[in-house]
Amino acid sequence: MTFAQLTYVVEVAQAGTISKAAERLFLSQPSLTAAIKDLEQEFGISIFKRTNKGVLLTPEGEEFLSYARQILSQTRLLEERYSSELTQRHQFCVSTQHYSFAVDAFVELLTAYGGEEYDFRIRETQTYEIIEDVAKLKSEVGILYLNDFNETVLRKAFREHNLHFSPLFIAKPHVFVGIDNPLARKKSVTLQDLQPFPRLSYEQGEHNAFYFSEEILSTLESKKDIMVCDRATLFNLLIGLNGYTICSGVINEKLNGKNIVAIPLDVNESIQIGYVTHNKVALGRFAALYLERLHQYAQVHHASTAFPYHRSSHR
């Protein structure tokens, strides 16, 4: 087994096909196929299942991939500690629910420490994928929330995936609406106020159970439901259809424009926003620097109950 072979496995898993992975790795397809076959024979396992559309990880391949990512992550940590800054290609990945402050912290990190070469990634994705990304070491940090409704289920998932949850701050529920929505002029809104308007939520794929919803109060009935996959679409529909989404309130005008407002929601609920990391893997330099920025935002929120944007703090 070599580090190169482990890198090949990770790249093939990400690319989904041998041809795409070979192109990214600047290898011929036969060479890449042979290297992976040698690795499979060495350990007596099948890492990938070949199909007409590409390759899929086998169950034992999923486990092997997790270990491969862990070894490569620790290797990068050694390189960050002892290699020259001038030759280091900086790498970092975070997976997150749709939070403006997470994007801001990412921008600050990249601006301050990106250097001449870097491979930084931010994945705004589904709740369960955040858990899997950190568990399989695709990301070093995953940002999501807990509340009374989902905490038992999510903490069980954290334990099963060897993850640790660290709180950042407590937020009160808000709704996002377009600036021309009749609700935009209210100082606060009730659930009854929301009933005539379309409810917008983030789609959660195969794990679309209420416990994995990115929005609280997801079990409440709504006559008009719209599911979306990305923030831009959600904001466009908020404006175009006078819709709303339940969140914790922060909106960054630089990222999201001035046409969305956050209004406190009059419910007896709270949201604990935090992040998950892997119990068995030490954080790299850039993950630690990123978390420093998240904690700085949390301190501002705790001091003023609002970030220096437009009211409170979610998406």
Protein backbone atom coordinates (compact mmCIF):
# COMPACT_ATOMS: atom_id res chain seq x y z
CA MET A 1 0.00 0.00 0.00
CA THR A 2 1.23 3.50 -0.87
CA PHE A 3 -0.03 7.01 -0.19
CA ALA A 4 -0.50 7.35 -3.94
CA GLN A 5 -2.88 4.37 -3.99
CA LEU A 6 -4.90 5.85 -1.13
CA THR A 7 -5.11 9.12 -3.04
CA TYR A 8 -6.30 7.22 -6.11
CA VAL A 9 -9.11 5.56 -4.15
CA VAL A 10 -10.30 8.89 -2.76
CA GLU A 11 -10.18 10.53 -6.20
CA VAL A 12 -12.09 7.71 -7.91
CA ALA A 13 -14.76 7.78 -5.19
CA GLN A 14 -15.19 11.53 -5.70
CA ALA A 15 -15.15 11.40 -9.49
CA GLY A 16 -17.46 8.40 -9.85
CA THR A 17 -15.61 7.07 -12.90
CA ILE A 18 -12.11 5.81 -13.60
CA SER A 19 -11.80 8.05 -16.67
CA LYS A 20 -12.58 11.28 -14.78
CA ALA A 21 -10.30 10.33 -11.91
CA ALA A 22 -7.47 9.44 -14.29
CA GLU A 23 -7.83 12.81 -16.00
CA ARG A 24 -7.68 14.66 -12.68
CA LEU A 25 -4.67 12.62 -11.55
CA PHE A 26 -2.86 12.93 -14.91
CA LEU A 27 -2.69 9.15 -15.20
CA SER A 28 -3.71 6.73 -17.93
CA GLN A 29 -6.85 4.73 -17.20
CA PRO A 30 -5.02 1.36 -17.35
CA SER A 31 -2.42 2.60 -14.83
CA LEU A 32 -5.08 3.83 -12.42
CA THR A 33 -7.13 0.64 -12.78
CA ALA A 34 -4.06 -1.49 -12.16
CA ALA A 35 -3.04 0.48 -9.05
CA ILE A 36 -6.47 0.05 -7.49
CA LYS A 37 -6.60 -3.64 -8.46
CA ASP A 38 -3.20 -4.17 -6.78
CA LEU A 39 -4.54 -2.52 -3.62
CA GLU A 40 -7.67 -4.68 -3.64
CA GLN A 41 -5.59 -7.82 -4.06
CA GLU A 42 -3.20 -6.79 -1.29
CA PHE A 43 -6.03 -6.50 1.24
CA GLY A 44 -8.30 -9.15 -0.24
CA ILE A 45 -11.27 -6.81 -0.67
CA SER A 46 -13.30 -5.22 -3.45
CA ILE A 47 -13.28 -1.46 -3.04
CA PHE A 48 -15.32 -0.57 -6.11
CA LYS A 49 -18.12 -2.21 -8.03
CA ARG A 50 -17.82 -1.54 -11.75
CA THR A 51 -21.03 -0.56 -13.59
CA ASN A 52 -21.90 0.72 -17.07
CA LYS A 53 -22.20 4.23 -15.67
CA GLY A 54 -19.00 4.23 -13.63
CA VAL A 55 -17.94 2.81 -10.28
CA LEU A 56 -19.70 2.50 -6.94
CA LEU A 57 -18.18 1.86 -3.54
CA THR A 58 -18.87 -1.54 -2.03
CA PRO A 59 -19.73 -1.70 1.71
CA GLU A 60 -16.15 -2.71 2.50
CA GLY A 61 -14.98 -0.02 0.12
CA GLU A 62 -16.91 2.58 2.13
CA GLU A 63 -15.05 1.46 5.26
CA PHE A 64 -11.71 1.42 3.47
CA LEU A 65 -12.33 4.92 2.08
CA SER A 66 -12.97 6.26 5.56
CA TYR A 67 -9.59 4.93 6.76
CA ALA A 68 -7.85 6.19 3.61
CA ARG A 69 -9.18 9.70 4.15
CA GLN A 70 -8.10 9.56 7.79
CA ILE A 71 -4.53 8.56 6.85
CA LEU A 72 -4.31 11.27 4.18
CA SER A 73 -5.77 13.85 6.56
CA GLN A 74 -3.13 13.05 9.19
CA THR A 75 -0.43 13.20 6.52
CA ARG A 76 -1.58 16.67 5.49
CA LEU A 77 -1.50 17.68 9.14
CA LEU A 78 2.17 16.66 9.34
CA GLU A 79 2.90 18.55 6.13
CA GLU A 80 1.19 21.68 7.48
CA ARG A 81 3.27 21.44 10.64
CA TYR A 82 6.68 20.76 9.13
CA SER A 83 6.67 21.69 5.44
CA SER A 84 7.68 25.08 4.08
CA GLU A 85 4.82 27.59 3.70
CA LEU A 86 6.19 28.47 0.27
CA THR A 87 5.63 24.98 -1.12
CA GLN A 88 2.48 23.99 0.78
CA ARG A 89 -0.77 23.67 -1.19
CA HIS A 90 -3.36 24.61 1.42
CA GLN A 91 -6.39 22.36 1.75
CA PHE A 92 -9.58 22.64 3.78
CA CYS A 93 -13.25 21.65 3.41
CA VAL A 94 -16.32 22.52 5.50
CA SER A 95 -19.88 21.23 5.10
CA THR A 96 -22.70 23.39 6.38
CA GLN A 97 -26.37 24.13 6.42
CA HIS A 98 -27.26 27.38 4.66
CA TYR A 99 -25.70 29.94 7.02
CA SER A 100 -24.36 33.32 5.93
CA PHE A 101 -21.93 33.48 8.85
CA ALA A 102 -20.36 30.17 7.75
CA VAL A 103 -19.71 31.62 4.30
CA ASP A 104 -18.31 34.84 5.79
CA ALA A 105 -15.89 32.90 8.01
CA PHE A 106 -14.81 30.89 4.96
CA VAL A 107 -14.16 34.07 2.95
CA GLU A 108 -12.13 35.56 5.81
CA LEU A 109 -10.06 32.37 6.13
CA LEU A 110 -9.34 32.20 2.43
CA THR A 111 -8.50 35.89 2.20
CA ALA A 112 -6.10 35.76 5.13
CA TYR A 113 -4.42 32.37 4.65
CA GLY A 114 -5.14 31.04 1.14
CA GLY A 115 -1.64 31.77 -0.10
CA GLU A 116 -0.37 31.18 -3.63
CA GLU A 117 -1.90 27.69 -3.96
CA TYR A 118 -4.95 26.27 -2.26
CA ASP A 119 -7.82 23.81 -2.54
CA PHE A 120 -10.54 25.14 -0.22
CA ARG A 121 -14.12 23.86 -0.43
CA ILE A 122 -17.41 24.81 1.21
CA ARG A 123 -20.42 22.54 0.79
CA GLU A 124 -23.86 23.95 1.59
CA THR A 125 -25.67 20.65 1.72
CA GLN A 126 -28.26 18.42 3.37
CA THR A 127 -28.16 17.72 7.09
CA TYR A 128 -27.34 14.01 6.87
CA GLU A 129 -24.69 14.66 4.22
CA ILE A 130 -22.99 17.05 6.64
CA ILE A 131 -22.77 14.23 9.18
CA GLU A 132 -21.48 11.77 6.56
CA ASP A 133 -18.98 14.27 5.14
CA VAL A 134 -17.30 14.70 8.52
CA ALA A 135 -17.57 11.01 9.41
CA LYS A 136 -15.88 10.01 6.13
CA LEU A 137 -13.37 12.88 6.40
CA LYS A 138 -14.56 14.64 3.27
CA SER A 139 -14.87 17.71 5.52
CA GLU A 140 -13.09 18.56 8.75
CA VAL A 141 -15.98 20.65 10.09
CA GLY A 142 -19.76 20.38 9.73
CA ILE A 143 -22.12 23.18 10.80
CA LEU A 144 -25.72 22.49 11.80
CA TYR A 145 -28.22 23.10 14.61
CA LEU A 146 -29.88 21.20 17.44
CA ASN A 147 -33.18 21.89 19.17
CA ASP A 148 -35.54 20.01 21.49
CA PHE A 149 -37.17 18.24 18.54
CA ASN A 150 -34.15 16.85 16.67
CA GLU A 151 -31.49 16.61 19.38
CA THR A 152 -32.04 12.99 20.44
CA VAL A 153 -31.95 11.68 16.86
CA LEU A 154 -29.00 13.80 15.74
CA ARG A 155 -26.89 13.07 18.83
CA LYS A 156 -27.46 9.36 18.21
CA ALA A 157 -26.19 9.87 14.65
CA PHE A 158 -23.16 11.75 16.01
CA ARG A 159 -22.30 8.86 18.34
CA GLU A 160 -22.68 6.28 15.57
CA HIS A 161 -20.34 8.26 13.33
CA ASN A 162 -17.72 9.12 16.02
CA LEU A 163 -18.53 12.82 15.91
CA HIS A 164 -18.42 15.50 18.60
CA PHE A 165 -20.85 18.45 18.63
CA SER A 166 -19.59 21.81 19.92
CA PRO A 167 -22.14 24.62 20.47
CA LEU A 168 -21.56 28.10 19.08
CA PHE A 169 -24.60 30.13 20.14
CA ILE A 170 -28.32 30.03 20.88
CA ALA A 171 -30.64 31.80 18.43
CA LYS A 172 -34.34 32.62 18.49
CA PRO A 173 -36.45 31.66 15.45
CA HIS A 174 -37.07 34.19 12.71
CA VAL A 175 -38.62 34.11 9.27
CA PHE A 176 -37.09 35.39 6.06
CA VAL A 177 -39.48 37.19 3.71
CA GLY A 178 -39.11 39.45 0.70
CA ILE A 179 -39.05 43.15 1.39
CA ASP A 180 -42.41 43.62 -0.41
CA ASN A 181 -44.16 40.85 1.53
CA PRO A 182 -47.01 42.26 3.69
CA LEU A 183 -45.34 40.61 6.72
CA ALA A 184 -42.13 42.60 6.18
CA ARG A 185 -43.61 45.61 7.97
CA LYS A 186 -44.37 43.66 11.15
CA LYS A 187 -42.11 43.77 14.22
CA SER A 188 -42.84 40.07 14.81
CA VAL A 189 -45.04 37.39 13.25
CA THR A 190 -47.07 34.46 14.54
CA LEU A 191 -47.61 31.06 12.99
CA GLN A 192 -51.14 32.17 12.15
CA ASP A 193 -49.74 35.16 10.24
CA LEU A 194 -47.74 32.74 8.06
CA GLN A 195 -50.64 30.48 7.03
CA PRO A 196 -51.65 32.30 3.78
CA PHE A 197 -48.09 32.30 2.41
CA PRO A 198 -46.00 29.56 0.72
CA ARG A 199 -43.53 27.83 3.05
CA LEU A 200 -40.06 27.27 1.58
CA SER A 201 -37.80 24.50 2.89
CA TYR A 202 -34.53 22.87 1.92
CA GLU A 203 -34.92 19.41 0.40
CA GLN A 204 -33.14 16.66 2.35
CA GLY A 205 -32.94 13.87 -0.23
CA GLU A 206 -33.19 10.30 1.05
CA HIS A 207 -33.10 11.57 4.64
CA ASN A 208 -36.13 13.83 4.36
CA ALA A 209 -37.40 12.90 7.85
CA PHE A 210 -38.54 15.82 9.98
CA TYR A 211 -35.60 15.30 12.34
CA PHE A 212 -33.15 16.21 9.55
CA SER A 213 -35.06 19.27 8.39
CA GLU A 214 -33.03 22.47 8.23
CA GLU A 215 -36.09 24.43 9.37
CA ILE A 216 -37.64 24.10 12.82
CA LEU A 217 -41.38 23.45 13.24
CA SER A 218 -41.24 21.32 10.09
CA THR A 219 -44.03 19.04 11.36
CA LEU A 220 -46.59 21.84 11.27
CA GLU A 221 -49.05 21.61 8.39
CA SER A 222 -48.85 24.08 5.54
CA LYS A 223 -51.25 24.41 2.61
CA LYS A 224 -48.47 25.64 0.34
CA ASP A 225 -45.10 23.86 0.50
CA ILE A 226 -42.13 24.37 -1.81
CA MET A 227 -38.88 22.40 -1.50
CA VAL A 228 -35.63 23.79 -2.89
CA CYS A 229 -31.99 22.70 -3.03
CA ASP A 230 -30.05 25.97 -2.92
CA ARG A 231 -30.08 29.34 -1.23
CA ALA A 232 -30.35 31.46 -4.41
CA THR A 233 -33.50 29.65 -5.54
CA LEU A 234 -35.02 29.94 -2.07
CA PHE A 235 -34.40 33.70 -1.95
CA ASN A 236 -35.76 34.19 -5.48
CA LEU A 237 -38.96 32.38 -4.51
CA LEU A 238 -39.25 34.37 -1.28
CA ILE A 239 -39.38 37.50 -3.41
CA GLY A 240 -41.30 36.21 -6.41
CA LEU A 241 -44.02 34.29 -4.54
CA ASN A 242 -44.22 36.20 -1.23
CA GLY A 243 -43.03 33.04 0.48
CA TYR A 244 -41.27 32.59 3.81
CA THR A 245 -38.78 30.26 5.43
CA ILE A 246 -38.21 29.69 9.15
CA CYS A 247 -34.62 30.30 10.23
CA SER A 248 -32.65 31.89 13.03
CA GLY A 249 -32.29 35.26 11.41
CA VAL A 250 -28.89 36.46 10.20
CA ILE A 251 -28.74 37.76 6.67
CA ASN A 252 -25.69 39.30 5.07
CA GLU A 253 -26.66 42.03 2.62
CA LYS A 254 -23.35 41.66 0.74
CA LEU A 255 -24.13 38.00 0.03
CA ASN A 256 -27.90 38.03 -0.19
CA GLY A 257 -28.88 41.56 -1.22
CA LYS A 258 -31.24 44.04 0.39
CA ASN A 259 -34.51 42.46 -0.74
CA ILE A 260 -34.76 39.90 2.08
CA VAL A 261 -35.63 40.78 5.69
CA ALA A 262 -35.62 38.73 8.90
CA ILE A 263 -38.54 39.04 11.34
CA PRO A 264 -38.75 37.45 14.82
CA LEU A 265 -41.18 34.54 15.01
CA ASP A 266 -43.39 34.54 18.09
CA VAL A 267 -42.90 30.95 19.30
CA ASN A 268 -41.45 29.41 22.44
CA GLU A 269 -38.51 27.76 20.66
CA SER A 270 -34.75 28.17 20.46
CA ILE A 271 -31.99 26.89 18.17
CA GLN A 272 -28.50 25.79 19.24
CA ILE A 273 -26.16 26.31 16.32
CA GLY A 274 -22.82 24.51 16.48
CA TYR A 275 -20.40 22.29 14.60
CA VAL A 276 -19.33 18.65 14.47
CA THR A 277 -15.79 17.31 14.20
CA HIS A 278 -14.41 13.76 14.11
CA ASN A 279 -13.46 12.29 17.50
CA LYS A 280 -10.47 10.34 16.16
CA VAL A 281 -8.88 12.93 13.87
CA ALA A 282 -6.87 15.98 14.91
CA LEU A 283 -7.94 19.18 13.18
CA GLY A 284 -5.61 20.70 10.63
CA ARG A 285 -4.32 24.23 10.82
CA PHE A 286 -6.99 25.71 8.56
CA ALA A 287 -9.84 23.95 10.32
CA ALA A 288 -8.62 25.44 13.60
CA LEU A 289 -8.34 28.90 12.06
CA TYR A 290 -11.83 28.56 10.59
CA LEU A 291 -13.26 27.59 13.97
CA GLU A 292 -11.61 30.64 15.53
CA ARG A 293 -13.63 32.79 13.16
CA LEU A 294 -16.84 30.93 13.92
CA HIS A 295 -16.29 31.53 17.63
CA GLN A 296 -15.68 35.21 16.96
CA TYR A 297 -19.06 35.43 15.26
CA ALA A 298 -20.60 33.56 18.18
CA GLN A 299 -19.16 36.06 20.66
CA VAL A 300 -20.60 38.96 18.69
CA HIS A 301 -23.96 37.22 18.61
CA HIS A 302 -23.87 36.56 22.35
CA ALA A 303 -23.01 40.19 23.09
CA SER A 304 -25.60 41.84 20.87
CA THR A 305 -28.10 39.05 19.96
CA ALA A 306 -27.44 40.06 16.35
CA PHE A 307 -24.55 39.85 13.98
CA PRO A 308 -23.46 43.12 12.33
CA TYR A 309 -25.67 42.44 9.31
CA HIS A 310 -29.42 42.46 9.30
CA ARG A 311 -30.86 41.12 12.54
CA SER A 312 -30.08 37.71 14.05
CA SER A 313 -28.34 34.52 12.72
CA HIS A 314 -29.20 31.56 10.42
CA ARG A 315 -28.59 31.29 6.70
